[in-house]
Amino acid sequence: GPDGGSHQMLEDIALMRVLPNMRVLVPADYTAAQAAIRY
């Protein structure tokens, strides 16, 4: 939001998914986020 373009990270999935051994999770809501952190 108001923090603007300098703080709105739009490239992080790209950076993380290309790394060997890294798994990438993007939860859709609070319940999914709980499950992702626990997993």
All heavy atoms as atom14 arrays in JSON, in Angstrom:
{
  "sequence": "GPDGGSHQMLEDIALMRVLPNMRVLVPADYTAAQAAIRY",
  "atom14_mask": [
    [1, 1, 1, 1, 0, 0, 0, 0, 0, 0, 0, 0, 0, 0],
    [1, 1, 1, 1, 1, 1, 1, 0, 0, 0, 0, 0, 0, 0],
    [1, 1, 1, 1, 1, 1, 1, 1, 0, 0, 0, 0, 0, 0],
    [1, 1, 1, 1, 0, 0, 0, 0, 0, 0, 0, 0, 0, 0],
    [1, 1, 1, 1, 0, 0, 0, 0, 0, 0, 0, 0, 0, 0],
    [1, 1, 1, 1, 1, 1, 0, 0, 0, 0, 0, 0, 0, 0],
    [1, 1, 1, 1, 1, 1, 1, 1, 1, 1, 0, 0, 0, 0],
    [1, 1, 1, 1, 1, 1, 1, 1, 1, 0, 0, 0, 0, 0],
    [1, 1, 1, 1, 1, 1, 1, 1, 0, 0, 0, 0, 0, 0],
    [1, 1, 1, 1, 1, 1, 1, 1, 0, 0, 0, 0, 0, 0],
    [1, 1, 1, 1, 1, 1, 1, 1, 1, 0, 0, 0, 0, 0],
    [1, 1, 1, 1, 1, 1, 1, 1, 0, 0, 0, 0, 0, 0],
    [1, 1, 1, 1, 1, 1, 1, 1, 0, 0, 0, 0, 0, 0],
    [1, 1, 1, 1, 1, 0, 0, 0, 0, 0, 0, 0, 0, 0],
    [1, 1, 1, 1, 1, 1, 1, 1, 0, 0, 0, 0, 0, 0],
    [1, 1, 1, 1, 1, 1, 1, 1, 0, 0, 0, 0, 0, 0],
    [1, 1, 1, 1, 1, 1, 1, 1, 1, 1, 1, 0, 0, 0],
    [1, 1, 1, 1, 1, 1, 1, 0, 0, 0, 0, 0, 0, 0],
    [1, 1, 1, 1, 1, 1, 1, 1, 0, 0, 0, 0, 0, 0],
    [1, 1, 1, 1, 1, 1, 1, 0, 0, 0, 0, 0, 0, 0],
    [1, 1, 1, 1, 1, 1, 1, 1, 0, 0, 0, 0, 0, 0],
    [1, 1, 1, 1, 1, 1, 1, 1, 0, 0, 0, 0, 0, 0],
    [1, 1, 1, 1, 1, 1, 1, 1, 1, 1, 1, 0, 0, 0],
    [1, 1, 1, 1, 1, 1, 1, 0, 0, 0, 0, 0, 0, 0],
    [1, 1, 1, 1, 1, 1, 1, 1, 0, 0, 0, 0, 0, 0],
    [1, 1, 1, 1, 1, 1, 1, 0, 0, 0, 0, 0, 0, 0],
    [1, 1, 1, 1, 1, 1, 1, 0, 0, 0, 0, 0, 0, 0],
    [1, 1, 1, 1, 1, 0, 0, 0, 0, 0, 0, 0, 0, 0],
    [1, 1, 1, 1, 1, 1, 1, 1, 0, 0, 0, 0, 0, 0],
    [1, 1, 1, 1, 1, 1, 1, 1, 1, 1, 1, 1, 0, 0],
    [1, 1, 1, 1, 1, 1, 1, 0, 0, 0, 0, 0, 0, 0],
    [1, 1, 1, 1, 1, 0, 0, 0, 0, 0, 0, 0, 0, 0],
    [1, 1, 1, 1, 1, 0, 0, 0, 0, 0, 0, 0, 0, 0],
    [1, 1, 1, 1, 1, 1, 1, 1, 1, 0, 0, 0, 0, 0],
    [1, 1, 1, 1, 1, 0, 0, 0, 0, 0, 0, 0, 0, 0],
    [1, 1, 1, 1, 1, 0, 0, 0, 0, 0, 0, 0, 0, 0],
    [1, 1, 1, 1, 1, 1, 1, 1, 0, 0, 0, 0, 0, 0],
    [1, 1, 1, 1, 1, 1, 1, 1, 1, 1, 1, 0, 0, 0],
    [1, 1, 1, 1, 1, 1, 1, 1, 1, 1, 1, 1, 0, 0]
  ],
  "atom14_positions": [
    [[0.77, -1.23, 0.0], [0.0, 0.0, 0.0], [0.8, 1.28, 0.0], [1.67, 1.48, -0.86], [0.0, 0.0, 0.0], [0.0, 0.0, 0.0], [0.0, 0.0, 0.0], [0.0, 0.0, 0.0], [0.0, 0.0, 0.0], [0.0, 0.0, 0.0], [0.0, 0.0, 0.0], [0.0, 0.0, 0.0], [0.0, 0.0, 0.0], [0.0, 0.0, 0.0]],
    [[0.56, 2.19, 0.97], [1.13, 3.54, 0.92], [2.65, 3.6, 0.97], [3.23, 4.63, 0.63], [0.52, 4.22, 2.17], [-0.71, 3.44, 2.46], [-0.4, 2.03, 2.07], [0.0, 0.0, 0.0], [0.0, 0.0, 0.0], [0.0, 0.0, 0.0], [0.0, 0.0, 0.0], [0.0, 0.0, 0.0], [0.0, 0.0, 0.0], [0.0, 0.0, 0.0]],
    [[3.32, 2.51, 1.39], [4.78, 2.53, 1.43], [5.39, 2.69, 0.04], [6.55, 3.07, -0.09], [5.31, 1.25, 2.08], [5.03, 1.2, 3.57], [4.53, 2.2, 4.11], [5.31, 0.17, 4.2], [0.0, 0.0, 0.0], [0.0, 0.0, 0.0], [0.0, 0.0, 0.0], [0.0, 0.0, 0.0], [0.0, 0.0, 0.0], [0.0, 0.0, 0.0]],
    [[4.63, 2.38, -1.01], [5.06, 2.68, -2.36], [5.96, 1.64, -3.01], [6.26, 0.59, -2.45], [0.0, 0.0, 0.0], [0.0, 0.0, 0.0], [0.0, 0.0, 0.0], [0.0, 0.0, 0.0], [0.0, 0.0, 0.0], [0.0, 0.0, 0.0], [0.0, 0.0, 0.0], [0.0, 0.0, 0.0], [0.0, 0.0, 0.0], [0.0, 0.0, 0.0]],
    [[6.4, 1.98, -4.23], [7.12, 1.04, -5.06], [8.43, 0.54, -4.49], [8.85, -0.57, -4.8], [0.0, 0.0, 0.0], [0.0, 0.0, 0.0], [0.0, 0.0, 0.0], [0.0, 0.0, 0.0], [0.0, 0.0, 0.0], [0.0, 0.0, 0.0], [0.0, 0.0, 0.0], [0.0, 0.0, 0.0], [0.0, 0.0, 0.0], [0.0, 0.0, 0.0]],
    [[9.09, 1.35, -3.68], [10.37, 0.9, -3.1], [10.18, -0.27, -2.15], [11.11, -1.06, -1.95], [11.05, 2.07, -2.37], [10.25, 2.49, -1.27], [0.0, 0.0, 0.0], [0.0, 0.0, 0.0], [0.0, 0.0, 0.0], [0.0, 0.0, 0.0], [0.0, 0.0, 0.0], [0.0, 0.0, 0.0], [0.0, 0.0, 0.0], [0.0, 0.0, 0.0]],
    [[8.99, -0.39, -1.55], [8.74, -1.44, -0.57], [7.8, -2.53, -1.08], [7.58, -3.53, -0.39], [8.15, -0.84, 0.71], [9.15, -0.16, 1.58], [9.98, 0.84, 1.12], [9.47, -0.33, 2.89], [10.75, 1.27, 2.11], [10.46, 0.56, 3.19], [0.0, 0.0, 0.0], [0.0, 0.0, 0.0], [0.0, 0.0, 0.0], [0.0, 0.0, 0.0]],
    [[7.24, -2.36, -2.25], [6.3, -3.35, -2.8], [7.08, -4.39, -3.6], [7.34, -4.22, -4.78], [5.25, -2.65, -3.66], [4.3, -1.78, -2.85], [3.46, -0.86, -3.7], [3.52, -0.9, -4.93], [2.69, 0.0, -3.07], [0.0, 0.0, 0.0], [0.0, 0.0, 0.0], [0.0, 0.0, 0.0], [0.0, 0.0, 0.0], [0.0, 0.0, 0.0]],
    [[7.44, -5.47, -2.93], [8.28, -6.49, -3.56], [7.47, -7.31, -4.55], [6.51, -8.0, -4.18], [8.89, -7.4, -2.49], [9.9, -8.38, -3.04], [11.2, -7.56, -3.99], [12.47, -8.8, -4.01], [0.0, 0.0, 0.0], [0.0, 0.0, 0.0], [0.0, 0.0, 0.0], [0.0, 0.0, 0.0], [0.0, 0.0, 0.0], [0.0, 0.0, 0.0]],
    [[7.86, -7.25, -5.83], [7.16, -7.93, -6.91], [8.04, -8.93, -7.64], [7.64, -9.46, -8.67], [6.62, -6.89, -7.91], [5.66, -5.86, -7.33], [5.39, -4.75, -8.34], [4.36, -6.53, -6.91], [0.0, 0.0, 0.0], [0.0, 0.0, 0.0], [0.0, 0.0, 0.0], [0.0, 0.0, 0.0], [0.0, 0.0, 0.0], [0.0, 0.0, 0.0]],
    [[9.21, -9.17, -7.11], [10.16, -10.05, -7.78], [10.59, -11.24, -6.92], [11.45, -12.03, -7.32], [11.42, -9.27, -8.2], [11.16, -8.02, -9.03], [10.85, -6.79, -8.17], [11.42, -6.67, -7.06], [10.03, -5.97, -8.59], [0.0, 0.0, 0.0], [0.0, 0.0, 0.0], [0.0, 0.0, 0.0], [0.0, 0.0, 0.0], [0.0, 0.0, 0.0]],
    [[10.05, -11.37, -5.73], [10.55, -12.34, -4.77], [10.29, -13.79, -5.15], [11.14, -14.66, -4.95], [10.0, -12.05, -3.37], [8.48, -11.9, -3.35], [7.94, -11.25, -4.27], [7.83, -12.4, -2.42], [0.0, 0.0, 0.0], [0.0, 0.0, 0.0], [0.0, 0.0, 0.0], [0.0, 0.0, 0.0], [0.0, 0.0, 0.0], [0.0, 0.0, 0.0]],
    [[9.12, -14.07, -5.73], [8.85, -15.45, -6.16], [9.87, -15.86, -7.22], [10.4, -16.97, -7.19], [7.42, -15.59, -6.69], [6.4, -15.34, -5.58], [7.19, -16.98, -7.29], [4.95, -15.3, -6.05], [0.0, 0.0, 0.0], [0.0, 0.0, 0.0], [0.0, 0.0, 0.0], [0.0, 0.0, 0.0], [0.0, 0.0, 0.0], [0.0, 0.0, 0.0]],
    [[10.14, -14.94, -8.14], [11.12, -15.22, -9.19], [12.49, -15.52, -8.59], [13.17, -16.49, -8.99], [11.22, -14.03, -10.14], [0.0, 0.0, 0.0], [0.0, 0.0, 0.0], [0.0, 0.0, 0.0], [0.0, 0.0, 0.0], [0.0, 0.0, 0.0], [0.0, 0.0, 0.0], [0.0, 0.0, 0.0], [0.0, 0.0, 0.0], [0.0, 0.0, 0.0]],
    [[12.91, -14.72, -7.62], [14.22, -14.9, -7.01], [14.31, -16.23, -6.25], [15.32, -16.94, -6.33], [14.51, -13.75, -6.04], [14.76, -12.38, -6.65], [14.85, -11.33, -5.54], [16.04, -12.37, -7.48], [0.0, 0.0, 0.0], [0.0, 0.0, 0.0], [0.0, 0.0, 0.0], [0.0, 0.0, 0.0], [0.0, 0.0, 0.0], [0.0, 0.0, 0.0]],
    [[13.26, -16.56, -5.53], [13.32, -17.74, -4.66], [13.11, -19.05, -5.42], [13.74, -20.06, -5.11], [12.29, -17.61, -3.54], [12.58, -16.49, -2.55], [14.11, -16.7, -1.6], [15.21, -15.55, -2.45], [0.0, 0.0, 0.0], [0.0, 0.0, 0.0], [0.0, 0.0, 0.0], [0.0, 0.0, 0.0], [0.0, 0.0, 0.0], [0.0, 0.0, 0.0]],
    [[12.24, -19.06, -6.43], [11.93, -20.34, -7.07], [13.08, -20.85, -7.92], [13.14, -22.05, -8.21], [10.65, -20.23, -7.88], [10.74, -19.56, -9.24], [9.38, -19.62, -9.94], [9.41, -19.08, -11.29], [9.65, -19.8, -12.39], [9.89, -21.1, -12.29], [9.65, -19.23, -13.57], [0.0, 0.0, 0.0], [0.0, 0.0, 0.0], [0.0, 0.0, 0.0]],
    [[13.98, -19.99, -8.32], [15.09, -20.43, -9.16], [16.21, -21.09, -8.35], [17.08, -21.75, -8.91], [15.65, -19.23, -9.97], [16.48, -18.32, -9.09], [16.45, -19.71, -11.17], [0.0, 0.0, 0.0], [0.0, 0.0, 0.0], [0.0, 0.0, 0.0], [0.0, 0.0, 0.0], [0.0, 0.0, 0.0], [0.0, 0.0, 0.0], [0.0, 0.0, 0.0]],
    [[16.17, -20.95, -7.02], [17.26, -21.47, -6.2], [17.13, -22.98, -5.97], [16.08, -23.46, -5.54], [17.26, -20.77, -4.83], [17.73, -19.32, -4.83], [17.48, -18.67, -3.47], [19.21, -19.23, -5.19], [0.0, 0.0, 0.0], [0.0, 0.0, 0.0], [0.0, 0.0, 0.0], [0.0, 0.0, 0.0], [0.0, 0.0, 0.0], [0.0, 0.0, 0.0]],
    [[18.18, -23.74, -6.22], [18.16, -25.17, -5.89], [17.89, -25.37, -4.4], [18.35, -24.58, -3.56], [19.57, -25.64, -6.26], [20.04, -24.65, -7.28], [19.45, -23.34, -6.88], [0.0, 0.0, 0.0], [0.0, 0.0, 0.0], [0.0, 0.0, 0.0], [0.0, 0.0, 0.0], [0.0, 0.0, 0.0], [0.0, 0.0, 0.0], [0.0, 0.0, 0.0]],
    [[17.14, -26.41, -4.08], [16.79, -26.81, -2.71], [15.72, -25.94, -2.05], [15.26, -26.27, -0.95], [18.02, -26.85, -1.79], [19.06, -27.85, -2.25], [18.71, -28.92, -2.76], [20.33, -27.53, -2.08], [0.0, 0.0, 0.0], [0.0, 0.0, 0.0], [0.0, 0.0, 0.0], [0.0, 0.0, 0.0], [0.0, 0.0, 0.0], [0.0, 0.0, 0.0]],
    [[15.32, -24.83, -2.67], [14.31, -23.96, -2.08], [12.91, -24.38, -2.5], [12.66, -24.65, -3.67], [14.54, -22.5, -2.51], [13.55, -21.51, -1.89], [13.72, -21.37, -0.11], [15.06, -20.17, 0.0], [0.0, 0.0, 0.0], [0.0, 0.0, 0.0], [0.0, 0.0, 0.0], [0.0, 0.0, 0.0], [0.0, 0.0, 0.0], [0.0, 0.0, 0.0]],
    [[12.0, -24.44, -1.53], [10.59, -24.66, -1.81], [9.84, -23.36, -1.55], [10.18, -22.62, -0.62], [10.04, -25.8, -0.94], [10.47, -27.17, -1.47], [10.57, -28.2, -0.4], [11.7, -27.93, 0.48], [12.05, -28.72, 1.49], [11.36, -29.81, 1.74], [13.08, -28.42, 2.25], [0.0, 0.0, 0.0], [0.0, 0.0, 0.0], [0.0, 0.0, 0.0]],
    [[8.81, -23.08, -2.36], [8.15, -21.78, -2.35], [6.66, -21.95, -2.09], [5.96, -22.63, -2.86], [8.38, -21.03, -3.68], [7.66, -19.69, -3.67], [9.87, -20.83, -3.94], [0.0, 0.0, 0.0], [0.0, 0.0, 0.0], [0.0, 0.0, 0.0], [0.0, 0.0, 0.0], [0.0, 0.0, 0.0], [0.0, 0.0, 0.0], [0.0, 0.0, 0.0]],
    [[6.17, -21.32, -1.03], [4.77, -21.39, -0.63], [4.17, -19.99, -0.57], [4.76, -19.09, 0.01], [4.62, -22.06, 0.75], [5.22, -23.46, 0.9], [5.12, -23.92, 2.35], [4.52, -24.45, -0.03], [0.0, 0.0, 0.0], [0.0, 0.0, 0.0], [0.0, 0.0, 0.0], [0.0, 0.0, 0.0], [0.0, 0.0, 0.0], [0.0, 0.0, 0.0]],
    [[2.98, -19.82, -1.18], [2.29, -18.52, -1.18], [0.86, -18.75, -0.7], [-0.04, -19.01, -1.51], [2.32, -17.87, -2.58], [1.7, -16.47, -2.52], [3.74, -17.8, -3.12], [0.0, 0.0, 0.0], [0.0, 0.0, 0.0], [0.0, 0.0, 0.0], [0.0, 0.0, 0.0], [0.0, 0.0, 0.0], [0.0, 0.0, 0.0], [0.0, 0.0, 0.0]],
    [[0.61, -18.67, 0.61], [-0.73, -18.95, 1.13], [-1.73, -17.87, 0.78], [-1.4, -16.68, 0.69], [-0.49, -19.03, 2.64], [0.76, -18.25, 2.89], [1.61, -18.43, 1.67], [0.0, 0.0, 0.0], [0.0, 0.0, 0.0], [0.0, 0.0, 0.0], [0.0, 0.0, 0.0], [0.0, 0.0, 0.0], [0.0, 0.0, 0.0], [0.0, 0.0, 0.0]],
    [[-2.99, -18.29, 0.62], [-4.06, -17.39, 0.18], [-4.77, -16.71, 1.34], [-5.4, -15.66, 1.14], [-5.08, -18.15, -0.65], [0.0, 0.0, 0.0], [0.0, 0.0, 0.0], [0.0, 0.0, 0.0], [0.0, 0.0, 0.0], [0.0, 0.0, 0.0], [0.0, 0.0, 0.0], [0.0, 0.0, 0.0], [0.0, 0.0, 0.0], [0.0, 0.0, 0.0]],
    [[-4.75, -17.3, 2.53], [-5.42, -16.68, 3.67], [-4.72, -17.09, 4.95], [-3.71, -17.81, 4.94], [-6.92, -17.02, 3.68], [-7.22, -18.47, 4.05], [-6.28, -19.28, 4.19], [-8.42, -18.81, 4.18], [0.0, 0.0, 0.0], [0.0, 0.0, 0.0], [0.0, 0.0, 0.0], [0.0, 0.0, 0.0], [0.0, 0.0, 0.0], [0.0, 0.0, 0.0]],
    [[-5.29, -16.64, 6.07], [-4.69, -16.88, 7.37], [-4.56, -18.38, 7.67], [-3.52, -18.85, 8.13], [-5.54, -16.19, 8.43], [-5.19, -16.52, 9.86], [-4.14, -15.87, 10.5], [-5.91, -17.49, 10.56], [-3.81, -16.17, 11.81], [-5.59, -17.8, 11.87], [-4.54, -17.14, 12.5], [-4.22, -17.45, 13.79], [0.0, 0.0, 0.0], [0.0, 0.0, 0.0]],
    [[-5.6, -19.14, 7.38], [-5.59, -20.58, 7.64], [-4.51, -21.28, 6.81], [-3.78, -22.14, 7.32], [-6.97, -21.19, 7.36], [-7.93, -20.59, 8.23], [-6.97, -22.7, 7.58], [0.0, 0.0, 0.0], [0.0, 0.0, 0.0], [0.0, 0.0, 0.0], [0.0, 0.0, 0.0], [0.0, 0.0, 0.0], [0.0, 0.0, 0.0], [0.0, 0.0, 0.0]],
    [[-4.42, -20.91, 5.55], [-3.39, -21.5, 4.69], [-1.99, -21.09, 5.15], [-1.05, -21.89, 5.07], [-3.62, -21.07, 3.24], [0.0, 0.0, 0.0], [0.0, 0.0, 0.0], [0.0, 0.0, 0.0], [0.0, 0.0, 0.0], [0.0, 0.0, 0.0], [0.0, 0.0, 0.0], [0.0, 0.0, 0.0], [0.0, 0.0, 0.0], [0.0, 0.0, 0.0]],
    [[-1.85, -19.86, 5.65], [-0.55, -19.41, 6.15], [-0.13, -20.21, 7.37], [1.04, -20.59, 7.51], [-0.61, -17.92, 6.47], [0.0, 0.0, 0.0], [0.0, 0.0, 0.0], [0.0, 0.0, 0.0], [0.0, 0.0, 0.0], [0.0, 0.0, 0.0], [0.0, 0.0, 0.0], [0.0, 0.0, 0.0], [0.0, 0.0, 0.0], [0.0, 0.0, 0.0]],
    [[-1.08, -20.48, 8.27], [-0.77, -21.33, 9.42], [-0.24, -22.69, 8.96], [0.77, -23.19, 9.48], [-2.04, -21.55, 10.26], [-2.46, -20.39, 11.12], [-3.66, -20.76, 11.98], [-4.68, -21.27, 11.47], [-3.57, -20.54, 13.27], [0.0, 0.0, 0.0], [0.0, 0.0, 0.0], [0.0, 0.0, 0.0], [0.0, 0.0, 0.0], [0.0, 0.0, 0.0]],
    [[-0.92, -23.27, 7.98], [-0.52, -24.59, 7.48], [0.85, -24.54, 6.82], [1.66, -25.46, 6.97], [-1.57, -25.11, 6.51], [0.0, 0.0, 0.0], [0.0, 0.0, 0.0], [0.0, 0.0, 0.0], [0.0, 0.0, 0.0], [0.0, 0.0, 0.0], [0.0, 0.0, 0.0], [0.0, 0.0, 0.0], [0.0, 0.0, 0.0], [0.0, 0.0, 0.0]],
    [[1.12, -23.45, 6.07], [2.41, -23.33, 5.39], [3.55, -23.21, 6.39], [4.61, -23.85, 6.23], [2.38, -22.11, 4.47], [0.0, 0.0, 0.0], [0.0, 0.0, 0.0], [0.0, 0.0, 0.0], [0.0, 0.0, 0.0], [0.0, 0.0, 0.0], [0.0, 0.0, 0.0], [0.0, 0.0, 0.0], [0.0, 0.0, 0.0], [0.0, 0.0, 0.0]],
    [[3.36, -22.4, 7.43], [4.4, -22.23, 8.44], [4.64, -23.53, 9.18], [5.78, -23.93, 9.44], [4.0, -21.09, 9.41], [3.98, -19.76, 8.66], [4.96, -21.03, 10.61], [3.22, -18.66, 9.36], [0.0, 0.0, 0.0], [0.0, 0.0, 0.0], [0.0, 0.0, 0.0], [0.0, 0.0, 0.0], [0.0, 0.0, 0.0], [0.0, 0.0, 0.0]],
    [[3.57, -24.22, 9.52], [3.69, -25.5, 10.23], [4.4, -26.55, 9.35], [5.27, -27.28, 9.84], [2.3, -25.99, 10.64], [2.28, -27.32, 11.36], [0.9, -27.62, 11.9], [0.58, -26.72, 13.01], [0.94, -26.93, 14.28], [1.62, -28.04, 14.59], [0.61, -26.09, 15.23], [0.0, 0.0, 0.0], [0.0, 0.0, 0.0], [0.0, 0.0, 0.0]],
    [[4.04, -26.6, 8.07], [4.67, -27.57, 7.18], [6.17, -27.28, 7.04], [7.0, -28.2, 7.09], [4.0, -27.54, 5.81], [4.61, -28.5, 4.82], [4.39, -29.87, 4.91], [5.42, -28.03, 3.78], [4.96, -30.76, 4.01], [5.99, -28.91, 2.87], [5.76, -30.27, 2.99], [6.33, -31.14, 2.1], [0.0, 0.0, 0.0], [0.0, 0.0, 0.0]]
  ]
}
